[in-house]
Amino acid sequence: MKSKMSMRGVAASVAALLSLGQAHAADLAAPKVMPIEAKAPDPLIGFSFGSRYQTDYNFRGISQSNRQGSYQTFFEAQYFGGFAYTGFATYQTRLPTRPDMEFDLVAGIRPTFDKLAFDFGVIYYFYPNETQLFAAPGVPFTTKNTDFIEYAGKVTYPLTDSLTVGANVFFAPNYLGTHTNGTYASGTLAYTLPATLFSFLPEAYAGGFSISGEGGHYFLGALKNSASGFNPAIGRFNVIDLPSYAYGNVGISYTYKNIVLDARYHTTNLNQVQCGTVSGDFRGLVTGGRSKWCGDSFIGSITFQTSTAAPGIYAEPGGLLNLFR
């Protein structure tokens, strides 16, 4: 529901693509723990950064890139051994209000209690240089500004060395600039596949496969701003109920050091008319308000990521880092 108009595009990285804020499926893979003897002391300040290409930028079931490819980047700084963090992410979008991009700012803390790992943060979604669309002179089709703030709470727990479960709640008091609440709640599951299933591969490559999924529900209120249109008969703007909906994804990922390949299926229970209402798909002006941005979709992605704690192939002689020298 992040499309703009009545909604613009994300309220939502690396899970957020980021752990900075949103929960992207590729980040659900069960974390790999380094052997104790290989661990280095946690630095006071650390950094993580990377880039990603997706065949479609799907945010909680709705395309933010008009079913086309999207280039994305992210950066995060961690403080006090990873307890606190700040960061940003950029997303290539193709939204109704035609912003230059989506630019997210994030900050939060990650306390841990034994095996329980929490993440409490705030995300600011910024869409620079938006242009309001009108269905007719004086009749707005989109909001003027879909920037908004979202508060996030997440928790994960490893049931076994291979299986991790999680739960997420995101709350936006002014969802996509519509002056209504938007709450998204979901559960996640990630399982690292045994390397023995891929014994046909060289040993160094057989252990990076995992499957993961997410199931959630987006609770939305009513659009209460100028995009709903002024009704002179009642002396106020019309109120348009935004349809709440269910969303889910499931996929398989392969991780090799700094590289993550992911193939994922996304689905919602929104029909095309409901999708048009929530997304603000500009083609609704000529299709009777219908949109295909919420239909079932298979999406592939490739992510390059690194950090000061685990530089991976970027630190190896002859590694990818040499390409930039």
C-alpha atoms as a PDB file:
ATOM      1  CA  MET A   1       0.000   0.000   0.000  1.00  0.00           C
ATOM      2  CA  LYS A   2       2.519   2.246  -0.611  1.00  0.00           C
ATOM      3  CA  SER A   3       1.642   3.594  -3.867  1.00  0.00           C
ATOM      4  CA  LYS A   4       0.895   7.131  -3.695  1.00  0.00           C
ATOM      5  CA  MET A   5      -2.200   8.895  -4.445  1.00  0.00           C
ATOM      6  CA  SER A   6      -4.284   7.578  -1.969  1.00  0.00           C
ATOM      7  CA  MET A   7      -1.150   5.860  -1.211  1.00  0.00           C
ATOM      8  CA  ARG A   8       2.160   5.899  -2.688  1.00  0.00           C
ATOM      9  CA  GLY A   9       4.598   3.417  -2.196  1.00  0.00           C
ATOM     10  CA  VAL A  10       6.064   2.017   0.750  1.00  0.00           C
ATOM     11  CA  ALA A  11       5.756   2.254   4.098  1.00  0.00           C
ATOM     12  CA  ALA A  12       8.385   0.231   4.003  1.00  0.00           C
ATOM     13  CA  SER A  13      14.323  -3.128   3.412  1.00  0.00           C
ATOM     14  CA  VAL A  14      17.914  -5.008   3.459  1.00  0.00           C
ATOM     15  CA  ALA A  15      14.187  -5.878   5.362  1.00  0.00           C
ATOM     16  CA  ALA A  16      13.455  -3.525   5.514  1.00  0.00           C
ATOM     17  CA  LEU A  17      16.173  -4.062   2.882  1.00  0.00           C
ATOM     18  CA  LEU A  18      17.616  -2.687   5.786  1.00  0.00           C
ATOM     19  CA  SER A  19      17.280  -3.942   9.048  1.00  0.00           C
ATOM     20  CA  LEU A  20      17.007  -0.309   9.151  1.00  0.00           C
ATOM     21  CA  GLY A  21      13.436  -0.478   8.775  1.00  0.00           C
ATOM     22  CA  GLN A  22      11.465  -2.738   6.604  1.00  0.00           C
ATOM     23  CA  ALA A  23      11.353  -6.450   6.438  1.00  0.00           C
ATOM     24  CA  HIS A  24      12.289  -7.632   3.003  1.00  0.00           C
ATOM     25  CA  ALA A  25      11.987 -11.311   2.460  1.00  0.00           C
ATOM     26  CA  ALA A  26      15.571 -11.888   1.358  1.00  0.00           C
ATOM     27  CA  ASP A  27      16.724 -10.740   4.771  1.00  0.00           C
ATOM     28  CA  LEU A  28      14.692 -13.404   6.531  1.00  0.00           C
ATOM     29  CA  ALA A  29      17.269 -16.114   5.975  1.00  0.00           C
ATOM     30  CA  ALA A  30      18.393 -17.692   9.227  1.00  0.00           C
ATOM     31  CA  PRO A  31      21.520 -15.853  10.423  1.00  0.00           C
ATOM     32  CA  LYS A  32      24.799 -17.675  10.217  1.00  0.00           C
ATOM     33  CA  VAL A  33      26.930 -17.507  13.361  1.00  0.00           C
ATOM     34  CA  MET A  34      30.690 -17.400  12.995  1.00  0.00           C
ATOM     35  CA  PRO A  35      32.688 -19.916  15.027  1.00  0.00           C
ATOM     36  CA  ILE A  36      33.658 -18.434  18.387  1.00  0.00           C
ATOM     37  CA  GLU A  37      37.319 -18.593  17.547  1.00  0.00           C
ATOM     38  CA  ALA A  38      36.757 -16.563  14.367  1.00  0.00           C
ATOM     39  CA  LYS A  39      34.840 -13.724  16.009  1.00  0.00           C
ATOM     40  CA  ALA A  40      36.511 -10.391  16.605  1.00  0.00           C
ATOM     41  CA  PRO A  41      35.547  -7.975  19.372  1.00  0.00           C
ATOM     42  CA  ASP A  42      32.514  -5.895  18.456  1.00  0.00           C
ATOM     43  CA  PRO A  43      33.689  -2.435  17.341  1.00  0.00           C
ATOM     44  CA  LEU A  44      32.286   0.677  18.999  1.00  0.00           C
ATOM     45  CA  ILE A  45      31.126   1.860  15.571  1.00  0.00           C
ATOM     46  CA  GLY A  46      30.539  -0.361  12.544  1.00  0.00           C
ATOM     47  CA  PHE A  47      29.120   0.029   9.052  1.00  0.00           C
ATOM     48  CA  SER A  48      27.029  -2.031   6.649  1.00  0.00           C
ATOM     49  CA  PHE A  49      26.224  -1.056   3.073  1.00  0.00           C
ATOM     50  CA  GLY A  50      25.262  -2.529  -0.257  1.00  0.00           C
ATOM     51  CA  SER A  51      23.100  -2.392  -3.357  1.00  0.00           C
ATOM     52  CA  ARG A  52      20.340  -4.468  -4.875  1.00  0.00           C
ATOM     53  CA  TYR A  53      18.504  -4.970  -8.138  1.00  0.00           C
ATOM     54  CA  GLN A  54      14.946  -6.333  -8.113  1.00  0.00           C
ATOM     55  CA  THR A  55      12.877  -7.256 -11.144  1.00  0.00           C
ATOM     56  CA  ASP A  56       9.985  -5.444  -9.421  1.00  0.00           C
ATOM     57  CA  TYR A  57       9.993  -3.328  -6.254  1.00  0.00           C
ATOM     58  CA  ASN A  58       7.130  -4.924  -4.323  1.00  0.00           C
ATOM     59  CA  PHE A  59       6.183  -3.312  -1.019  1.00  0.00           C
ATOM     60  CA  ARG A  60       3.851  -5.423   1.080  1.00  0.00           C
ATOM     61  CA  GLY A  61       2.135  -6.798  -1.973  1.00  0.00           C
ATOM     62  CA  ILE A  62       1.969  -3.678  -4.163  1.00  0.00           C
ATOM     63  CA  SER A  63       4.381  -2.777  -6.944  1.00  0.00           C
ATOM     64  CA  GLN A  64       6.202   0.492  -6.422  1.00  0.00           C
ATOM     65  CA  SER A  65       7.981   0.360  -9.773  1.00  0.00           C
ATOM     66  CA  ASN A  66       5.099  -0.286 -12.212  1.00  0.00           C
ATOM     67  CA  ARG A  67       6.065  -3.984 -12.480  1.00  0.00           C
ATOM     68  CA  GLN A  68       9.518  -2.990 -13.738  1.00  0.00           C
ATOM     69  CA  GLY A  69      13.044  -3.327 -12.408  1.00  0.00           C
ATOM     70  CA  SER A  70      14.307  -1.262  -9.464  1.00  0.00           C
ATOM     71  CA  TYR A  71      17.861  -0.364  -8.396  1.00  0.00           C
ATOM     72  CA  GLN A  72      18.320   0.125  -4.645  1.00  0.00           C
ATOM     73  CA  THR A  73      21.090   1.058  -2.211  1.00  0.00           C
ATOM     74  CA  PHE A  74      21.417   1.034   1.568  1.00  0.00           C
ATOM     75  CA  PHE A  75      23.817   2.175   4.259  1.00  0.00           C
ATOM     76  CA  GLU A  76      23.778   1.682   8.017  1.00  0.00           C
ATOM     77  CA  ALA A  77      26.025   2.752  10.890  1.00  0.00           C
ATOM     78  CA  GLN A  78      25.911   0.698  14.115  1.00  0.00           C
ATOM     79  CA  TYR A  79      26.975   2.022  17.522  1.00  0.00           C
ATOM     80  CA  PHE A  80      27.947   0.430  20.854  1.00  0.00           C
ATOM     81  CA  GLY A  81      28.487  -3.050  19.474  1.00  0.00           C
ATOM     82  CA  GLY A  82      25.378  -2.935  17.286  1.00  0.00           C
ATOM     83  CA  PHE A  83      22.944  -1.843  19.988  1.00  0.00           C
ATOM     84  CA  ALA A  84      21.912   1.369  18.159  1.00  0.00           C
ATOM     85  CA  TYR A  85      21.856   2.224  14.464  1.00  0.00           C
ATOM     86  CA  THR A  86      21.118   4.937  11.914  1.00  0.00           C
ATOM     87  CA  GLY A  87      20.976   4.615   8.147  1.00  0.00           C
ATOM     88  CA  PHE A  88      19.293   5.298   4.846  1.00  0.00           C
ATOM     89  CA  ALA A  89      18.090   3.477   1.749  1.00  0.00           C
ATOM     90  CA  THR A  90      17.182   4.532  -1.785  1.00  0.00           C
ATOM     91  CA  TYR A  91      14.693   2.850  -4.124  1.00  0.00           C
ATOM     92  CA  GLN A  92      14.020   3.418  -7.801  1.00  0.00           C
ATOM     93  CA  THR A  93      10.250   3.941  -8.085  1.00  0.00           C
ATOM     94  CA  ARG A  94       7.569   4.588 -10.720  1.00  0.00           C
ATOM     95  CA  LEU A  95       4.712   5.962  -8.655  1.00  0.00           C
ATOM     96  CA  PRO A  96       1.624   8.067  -9.487  1.00  0.00           C
ATOM     97  CA  THR A  97       3.129  11.299  -8.115  1.00  0.00           C
ATOM     98  CA  ARG A  98       6.359  10.659 -10.057  1.00  0.00           C
ATOM     99  CA  PRO A  99       8.945  11.325  -7.341  1.00  0.00           C
ATOM    100  CA  ASP A 100      12.616  11.169  -8.263  1.00  0.00           C
ATOM    101  CA  MET A 101      12.989   8.149  -5.953  1.00  0.00           C
ATOM    102  CA  GLU A 102      12.100   6.860  -2.527  1.00  0.00           C
ATOM    103  CA  PHE A 103      14.590   7.918   0.136  1.00  0.00           C
ATOM    104  CA  ASP A 104      14.236   6.323   3.586  1.00  0.00           C
ATOM    105  CA  LEU A 105      15.909   7.500   6.777  1.00  0.00           C
ATOM    106  CA  VAL A 106      16.016   5.046   9.687  1.00  0.00           C
ATOM    107  CA  ALA A 107      17.166   4.919  13.293  1.00  0.00           C
ATOM    108  CA  GLY A 108      16.632   2.567  16.190  1.00  0.00           C
ATOM    109  CA  ILE A 109      17.980   0.133  18.758  1.00  0.00           C
ATOM    110  CA  ARG A 110      18.464  -3.654  18.752  1.00  0.00           C
ATOM    111  CA  PRO A 111      18.426  -5.055  22.279  1.00  0.00           C
ATOM    112  CA  THR A 112      18.906  -8.796  22.801  1.00  0.00           C
ATOM    113  CA  PHE A 113      17.811 -11.053  25.651  1.00  0.00           C
ATOM    114  CA  ASP A 114      19.418 -14.448  25.386  1.00  0.00           C
ATOM    115  CA  LYS A 115      18.200 -15.743  21.972  1.00  0.00           C
ATOM    116  CA  LEU A 116      15.519 -13.089  21.558  1.00  0.00           C
ATOM    117  CA  ALA A 117      16.604 -10.290  19.236  1.00  0.00           C
ATOM    118  CA  PHE A 118      14.496  -7.103  19.119  1.00  0.00           C
ATOM    119  CA  ASP A 119      14.542  -4.153  16.745  1.00  0.00           C
ATOM    120  CA  PHE A 120      12.704  -0.941  17.659  1.00  0.00           C
ATOM    121  CA  GLY A 121      13.014   1.821  15.097  1.00  0.00           C
ATOM    122  CA  VAL A 122      11.520   4.729  13.216  1.00  0.00           C
ATOM    123  CA  ILE A 123      11.464   5.161   9.428  1.00  0.00           C
ATOM    124  CA  TYR A 124      10.892   8.374   7.491  1.00  0.00           C
ATOM    125  CA  TYR A 125       9.765   7.798   3.887  1.00  0.00           C
ATOM    126  CA  PHE A 126      10.674  10.729   1.650  1.00  0.00           C
ATOM    127  CA  TYR A 127       9.606  11.123  -1.997  1.00  0.00           C
ATOM    128  CA  PRO A 128      11.352  14.169  -3.495  1.00  0.00           C
ATOM    129  CA  ASN A 129       9.795  16.318  -6.231  1.00  0.00           C
ATOM    130  CA  GLU A 130       6.320  14.801  -6.295  1.00  0.00           C
ATOM    131  CA  THR A 131       3.696  16.098  -8.734  1.00  0.00           C
ATOM    132  CA  GLN A 132       0.010  15.962  -7.816  1.00  0.00           C
ATOM    133  CA  LEU A 133      -2.238  14.427 -10.464  1.00  0.00           C
ATOM    134  CA  PHE A 134      -5.792  15.586 -11.197  1.00  0.00           C
ATOM    135  CA  ALA A 135      -8.654  13.518 -12.584  1.00  0.00           C
ATOM    136  CA  ALA A 136     -10.198  16.771 -13.890  1.00  0.00           C
ATOM    137  CA  PRO A 137      -9.596  20.484 -13.250  1.00  0.00           C
ATOM    138  CA  GLY A 138      -9.913  21.018  -9.525  1.00  0.00           C
ATOM    139  CA  VAL A 139     -10.462  17.301  -8.863  1.00  0.00           C
ATOM    140  CA  PRO A 140      -7.300  15.792  -7.334  1.00  0.00           C
ATOM    141  CA  PHE A 141      -6.436  12.172  -8.113  1.00  0.00           C
ATOM    142  CA  THR A 142      -3.430  11.943  -5.788  1.00  0.00           C
ATOM    143  CA  THR A 143      -2.271  13.611  -2.599  1.00  0.00           C
ATOM    144  CA  LYS A 144       0.203  16.492  -2.854  1.00  0.00           C
ATOM    145  CA  ASN A 145       2.746  14.874  -0.576  1.00  0.00           C
ATOM    146  CA  THR A 146       3.008  11.223   0.429  1.00  0.00           C
ATOM    147  CA  ASP A 147       5.984  11.524   2.779  1.00  0.00           C
ATOM    148  CA  PHE A 148       5.262   9.845   6.111  1.00  0.00           C
ATOM    149  CA  ILE A 149       6.758   8.416   9.301  1.00  0.00           C
ATOM    150  CA  GLU A 150       6.421   4.818  10.446  1.00  0.00           C
ATOM    151  CA  TYR A 151       7.304   3.224  13.786  1.00  0.00           C
ATOM    152  CA  ALA A 152       8.549  -0.365  13.746  1.00  0.00           C
ATOM    153  CA  GLY A 153       8.917  -3.185  16.228  1.00  0.00           C
ATOM    154  CA  LYS A 154      10.428  -6.564  15.293  1.00  0.00           C
ATOM    155  CA  VAL A 155      11.558  -9.680  17.119  1.00  0.00           C
ATOM    156  CA  THR A 156      13.254 -12.911  15.995  1.00  0.00           C
ATOM    157  CA  TYR A 157      13.936 -16.148  17.831  1.00  0.00           C
ATOM    158  CA  PRO A 158      16.000 -19.142  16.612  1.00  0.00           C
ATOM    159  CA  LEU A 159      14.066 -22.314  17.443  1.00  0.00           C
ATOM    160  CA  THR A 160      17.018 -24.369  16.187  1.00  0.00           C
ATOM    161  CA  ASP A 161      20.324 -23.682  14.474  1.00  0.00           C
ATOM    162  CA  SER A 162      18.439 -23.796  11.156  1.00  0.00           C
ATOM    163  CA  LEU A 163      14.935 -22.498  11.926  1.00  0.00           C
ATOM    164  CA  THR A 164      14.138 -18.903  12.917  1.00  0.00           C
ATOM    165  CA  VAL A 165      10.726 -17.368  13.582  1.00  0.00           C
ATOM    166  CA  GLY A 166       9.860 -13.688  13.825  1.00  0.00           C
ATOM    167  CA  ALA A 167       7.102 -11.127  14.254  1.00  0.00           C
ATOM    168  CA  ASN A 168       6.803  -7.533  13.023  1.00  0.00           C
ATOM    169  CA  VAL A 169       4.511  -4.559  13.655  1.00  0.00           C
ATOM    170  CA  PHE A 170       4.685  -1.265  11.728  1.00  0.00           C
ATOM    171  CA  PHE A 171       2.495   1.740  12.555  1.00  0.00           C
ATOM    172  CA  ALA A 172       2.097   4.962  10.549  1.00  0.00           C
ATOM    173  CA  PRO A 173      -0.091   7.716  12.099  1.00  0.00           C
ATOM    174  CA  ASN A 174      -0.330   9.569   8.773  1.00  0.00           C
ATOM    175  CA  TYR A 175      -0.140   6.816   6.203  1.00  0.00           C
ATOM    176  CA  LEU A 176       1.099   8.155   2.867  1.00  0.00           C
ATOM    177  CA  GLY A 177      -0.046  11.627   3.775  1.00  0.00           C
ATOM    178  CA  THR A 178      -3.709  10.567   3.897  1.00  0.00           C
ATOM    179  CA  HIS A 179      -4.315  11.556   7.543  1.00  0.00           C
ATOM    180  CA  THR A 180      -5.311   8.039   8.496  1.00  0.00           C
ATOM    181  CA  ASN A 181      -3.585   5.240  10.384  1.00  0.00           C
ATOM    182  CA  GLY A 182      -1.855   2.335   8.696  1.00  0.00           C
ATOM    183  CA  THR A 183      -0.819  -0.707  10.721  1.00  0.00           C
ATOM    184  CA  TYR A 184       0.970  -3.714   9.255  1.00  0.00           C
ATOM    185  CA  ALA A 185       1.518  -6.866  11.326  1.00  0.00           C
ATOM    186  CA  SER A 186       3.222 -10.035  10.101  1.00  0.00           C
ATOM    187  CA  GLY A 187       4.946 -13.242  11.078  1.00  0.00           C
ATOM    188  CA  THR A 188       8.064 -14.666   9.433  1.00  0.00           C
ATOM    189  CA  LEU A 189       9.716 -18.047   9.133  1.00  0.00           C
ATOM    190  CA  ALA A 190      13.167 -18.877   7.757  1.00  0.00           C
ATOM    191  CA  TYR A 191      14.875 -22.246   7.400  1.00  0.00           C
ATOM    192  CA  THR A 192      18.462 -22.904   6.347  1.00  0.00           C
ATOM    193  CA  LEU A 193      18.524 -25.928   4.062  1.00  0.00           C
ATOM    194  CA  PRO A 194      20.996 -28.726   4.854  1.00  0.00           C
ATOM    195  CA  ALA A 195      24.144 -28.613   2.738  1.00  0.00           C
ATOM    196  CA  THR A 196      23.701 -32.345   2.089  1.00  0.00           C
ATOM    197  CA  LEU A 197      20.763 -31.516  -0.198  1.00  0.00           C
ATOM    198  CA  PHE A 198      23.252 -29.851  -2.524  1.00  0.00           C
ATOM    199  CA  SER A 199      26.085 -32.360  -2.351  1.00  0.00           C
ATOM    200  CA  PHE A 200      26.383 -32.153  -6.128  1.00  0.00           C
ATOM    201  CA  LEU A 201      27.878 -28.669  -5.645  1.00  0.00           C
ATOM    202  CA  PRO A 202      31.431 -27.943  -4.468  1.00  0.00           C
ATOM    203  CA  GLU A 203      31.507 -27.923  -0.657  1.00  0.00           C
ATOM    204  CA  ALA A 204      32.227 -24.193  -0.507  1.00  0.00           C
ATOM    205  CA  TYR A 205      28.935 -23.439  -2.294  1.00  0.00           C
ATOM    206  CA  ALA A 206      26.566 -26.082  -0.900  1.00  0.00           C
ATOM    207  CA  GLY A 207      25.632 -24.439   2.395  1.00  0.00           C
ATOM    208  CA  GLY A 208      24.103 -21.115   1.398  1.00  0.00           C
ATOM    209  CA  PHE A 209      20.501 -22.065   0.575  1.00  0.00           C
ATOM    210  CA  SER A 210      17.480 -21.124   2.673  1.00  0.00           C
ATOM    211  CA  ILE A 211      13.724 -20.839   2.306  1.00  0.00           C
ATOM    212  CA  SER A 212      11.661 -18.151   3.993  1.00  0.00           C
ATOM    213  CA  GLY A 213       8.196 -16.697   4.052  1.00  0.00           C
ATOM    214  CA  GLU A 214       6.017 -13.991   5.527  1.00  0.00           C
ATOM    215  CA  GLY A 215       2.303 -13.721   6.202  1.00  0.00           C
ATOM    216  CA  GLY A 216       0.700 -10.477   7.321  1.00  0.00           C
ATOM    217  CA  HIS A 217      -2.256  -8.126   7.286  1.00  0.00           C
ATOM    218  CA  TYR A 218      -2.400  -4.415   6.524  1.00  0.00           C
ATOM    219  CA  PHE A 219      -5.041  -2.527   8.531  1.00  0.00           C
ATOM    220  CA  LEU A 220      -5.961   0.762   6.852  1.00  0.00           C
ATOM    221  CA  GLY A 221      -8.390   3.534   7.737  1.00  0.00           C
ATOM    222  CA  ALA A 222     -10.114   6.104   5.532  1.00  0.00           C
ATOM    223  CA  LEU A 223      -8.506   8.621   3.207  1.00  0.00           C
ATOM    224  CA  LYS A 224      -9.357  12.031   4.653  1.00  0.00           C
ATOM    225  CA  ASN A 225      -7.579  14.676   2.642  1.00  0.00           C
ATOM    226  CA  SER A 226      -7.979  16.639  -0.576  1.00  0.00           C
ATOM    227  CA  ALA A 227      -7.249  13.620  -2.761  1.00  0.00           C
ATOM    228  CA  SER A 228     -10.695  12.270  -1.860  1.00  0.00           C
ATOM    229  CA  GLY A 229     -12.376  15.254  -3.500  1.00  0.00           C
ATOM    230  CA  PHE A 230     -14.593  17.998  -2.053  1.00  0.00           C
ATOM    231  CA  ASN A 231     -18.298  17.233  -1.921  1.00  0.00           C
ATOM    232  CA  PRO A 232     -20.368  20.492  -1.934  1.00  0.00           C
ATOM    233  CA  ALA A 233     -23.528  18.559  -1.036  1.00  0.00           C
ATOM    234  CA  ILE A 234     -22.160  17.766   2.419  1.00  0.00           C
ATOM    235  CA  GLY A 235     -19.781  20.711   2.737  1.00  0.00           C
ATOM    236  CA  ARG A 236     -16.654  18.621   3.266  1.00  0.00           C
ATOM    237  CA  PHE A 237     -14.258  16.277   1.549  1.00  0.00           C
ATOM    238  CA  ASN A 238     -15.460  12.805   0.690  1.00  0.00           C
ATOM    239  CA  VAL A 239     -14.158  10.030   2.922  1.00  0.00           C
ATOM    240  CA  ILE A 240     -12.849   6.978   1.060  1.00  0.00           C
ATOM    241  CA  ASP A 241     -12.350   3.786   3.018  1.00  0.00           C
ATOM    242  CA  LEU A 242      -9.055   2.171   2.150  1.00  0.00           C
ATOM    243  CA  PRO A 243      -9.363  -1.631   1.965  1.00  0.00           C
ATOM    244  CA  SER A 244      -7.397  -3.558   4.552  1.00  0.00           C
ATOM    245  CA  TYR A 245      -5.820  -6.668   3.059  1.00  0.00           C
ATOM    246  CA  ALA A 246      -3.756  -9.807   3.598  1.00  0.00           C
ATOM    247  CA  TYR A 247      -0.285 -10.200   2.112  1.00  0.00           C
ATOM    248  CA  GLY A 248       2.181 -13.056   1.905  1.00  0.00           C
ATOM    249  CA  ASN A 249       5.416 -14.109   0.237  1.00  0.00           C
ATOM    250  CA  VAL A 250       7.530 -17.242   0.053  1.00  0.00           C
ATOM    251  CA  GLY A 251      10.852 -17.820  -1.643  1.00  0.00           C
ATOM    252  CA  ILE A 252      14.280 -19.375  -1.767  1.00  0.00           C
ATOM    253  CA  SER A 253      17.586 -17.552  -1.291  1.00  0.00           C
ATOM    254  CA  TYR A 254      21.205 -18.401  -1.917  1.00  0.00           C
ATOM    255  CA  THR A 255      23.958 -16.586  -0.032  1.00  0.00           C
ATOM    256  CA  TYR A 256      27.633 -16.669  -0.907  1.00  0.00           C
ATOM    257  CA  LYS A 257      29.639 -14.334   1.302  1.00  0.00           C
ATOM    258  CA  ASN A 258      28.564 -10.842   0.169  1.00  0.00           C
ATOM    259  CA  ILE A 259      26.144 -11.928  -2.543  1.00  0.00           C
ATOM    260  CA  VAL A 260      22.486 -12.901  -2.065  1.00  0.00           C
ATOM    261  CA  LEU A 261      20.301 -14.280  -4.863  1.00  0.00           C
ATOM    262  CA  ASP A 262      16.575 -14.493  -4.152  1.00  0.00           C
ATOM    263  CA  ALA A 263      13.504 -15.744  -6.055  1.00  0.00           C
ATOM    264  CA  ARG A 264      10.145 -15.023  -4.395  1.00  0.00           C
ATOM    265  CA  TYR A 265       6.407 -15.281  -4.938  1.00  0.00           C
ATOM    266  CA  HIS A 266       4.207 -12.427  -3.644  1.00  0.00           C
ATOM    267  CA  THR A 267       0.427 -12.392  -3.304  1.00  0.00           C
ATOM    268  CA  THR A 268      -2.446 -10.373  -1.774  1.00  0.00           C
ATOM    269  CA  ASN A 269      -6.218 -10.785  -1.566  1.00  0.00           C
ATOM    270  CA  LEU A 270      -6.862  -7.379  -3.156  1.00  0.00           C
ATOM    271  CA  ASN A 271      -8.941  -7.327  -6.346  1.00  0.00           C
ATOM    272  CA  GLN A 272      -8.058  -4.889  -9.139  1.00  0.00           C
ATOM    273  CA  VAL A 273     -10.514  -2.197  -8.012  1.00  0.00           C
ATOM    274  CA  GLN A 274      -9.303  -2.364  -4.396  1.00  0.00           C
ATOM    275  CA  CYS A 275      -5.741  -2.276  -5.665  1.00  0.00           C
ATOM    276  CA  GLY A 276      -6.498   0.907  -7.593  1.00  0.00           C
ATOM    277  CA  THR A 277      -7.990   2.526  -4.496  1.00  0.00           C
ATOM    278  CA  VAL A 278      -5.019   1.712  -2.318  1.00  0.00           C
ATOM    279  CA  SER A 279      -2.213   2.226  -4.807  1.00  0.00           C
ATOM    280  CA  GLY A 280      -3.430   5.254  -6.733  1.00  0.00           C
ATOM    281  CA  ASP A 281      -2.235   3.619  -9.964  1.00  0.00           C
ATOM    282  CA  PHE A 282      -2.464   6.462 -12.511  1.00  0.00           C
ATOM    283  CA  ARG A 283      -3.852   4.071 -15.155  1.00  0.00           C
ATOM    284  CA  GLY A 284      -7.013   3.969 -13.073  1.00  0.00           C
ATOM    285  CA  LEU A 285      -8.009   7.185 -14.848  1.00  0.00           C
ATOM    286  CA  VAL A 286      -8.654   5.150 -18.023  1.00  0.00           C
ATOM    287  CA  THR A 287      -9.340   1.662 -16.622  1.00  0.00           C
ATOM    288  CA  GLY A 288     -12.263   2.439 -14.354  1.00  0.00           C
ATOM    289  CA  GLY A 289     -10.057   2.594 -11.259  1.00  0.00           C
ATOM    290  CA  ARG A 290      -8.557  -0.865 -11.732  1.00  0.00           C
ATOM    291  CA  SER A 291      -4.879  -1.697 -11.193  1.00  0.00           C
ATOM    292  CA  LYS A 292      -2.682  -4.762 -11.728  1.00  0.00           C
ATOM    293  CA  TRP A 293      -0.012  -3.618  -9.282  1.00  0.00           C
ATOM    294  CA  CYS A 294      -1.283  -6.000  -6.567  1.00  0.00           C
ATOM    295  CA  GLY A 295      -1.620  -9.240  -8.534  1.00  0.00           C
ATOM    296  CA  ASP A 296       0.382 -12.389  -7.901  1.00  0.00           C
ATOM    297  CA  SER A 297       3.988 -11.973  -8.956  1.00  0.00           C
ATOM    298  CA  PHE A 298       7.332 -13.763  -9.038  1.00  0.00           C
ATOM    299  CA  ILE A 299      10.250 -11.443  -8.304  1.00  0.00           C
ATOM    300  CA  GLY A 300      13.971 -12.066  -8.485  1.00  0.00           C
ATOM    301  CA  SER A 301      16.731 -10.013  -6.882  1.00  0.00           C
ATOM    302  CA  ILE A 302      20.485  -9.885  -6.496  1.00  0.00           C
ATOM    303  CA  THR A 303      22.045  -8.102  -3.520  1.00  0.00           C
ATOM    304  CA  PHE A 304      25.650  -7.115  -2.865  1.00  0.00           C
ATOM    305  CA  GLN A 305      26.262  -6.304   0.793  1.00  0.00           C
ATOM    306  CA  THR A 306      29.203  -5.970   3.118  1.00  0.00           C
ATOM    307  CA  SER A 307      30.094  -4.701   6.582  1.00  0.00           C
ATOM    308  CA  THR A 308      33.108  -3.842   8.685  1.00  0.00           C
ATOM    309  CA  ALA A 309      32.373  -6.937  10.789  1.00  0.00           C
ATOM    310  CA  ALA A 310      32.219  -9.346   7.823  1.00  0.00           C
ATOM    311  CA  PRO A 311      33.915  -7.895   4.724  1.00  0.00           C
ATOM    312  CA  GLY A 312      33.796 -11.308   2.996  1.00  0.00           C
ATOM    313  CA  ILE A 313      34.958 -11.382  -0.606  1.00  0.00           C
ATOM    314  CA  TYR A 314      35.612  -7.656  -0.487  1.00  0.00           C
ATOM    315  CA  ALA A 315      38.541  -8.355   1.820  1.00  0.00           C
ATOM    316  CA  GLU A 316      40.009 -11.263  -0.112  1.00  0.00           C
ATOM    317  CA  PRO A 317      43.006 -10.870  -2.446  1.00  0.00           C
ATOM    318  CA  GLY A 318      41.652 -10.657  -5.962  1.00  0.00           C
ATOM    319  CA  GLY A 319      38.112 -10.170  -4.594  1.00  0.00           C
ATOM    320  CA  LEU A 320      35.450  -7.832  -5.936  1.00  0.00           C
ATOM    321  CA  LEU A 321      37.044  -4.886  -4.170  1.00  0.00           C
ATOM    322  CA  ASN A 322      39.828  -4.993  -6.749  1.00  0.00           C
ATOM    323  CA  LEU A 323      37.315  -4.098  -9.435  1.00  0.00           C
ATOM    324  CA  PHE A 324      37.146  -0.606  -7.980  1.00  0.00           C
ATOM    325  CA  ARG A 325      40.869  -0.004  -7.745  1.00  0.00           C
END
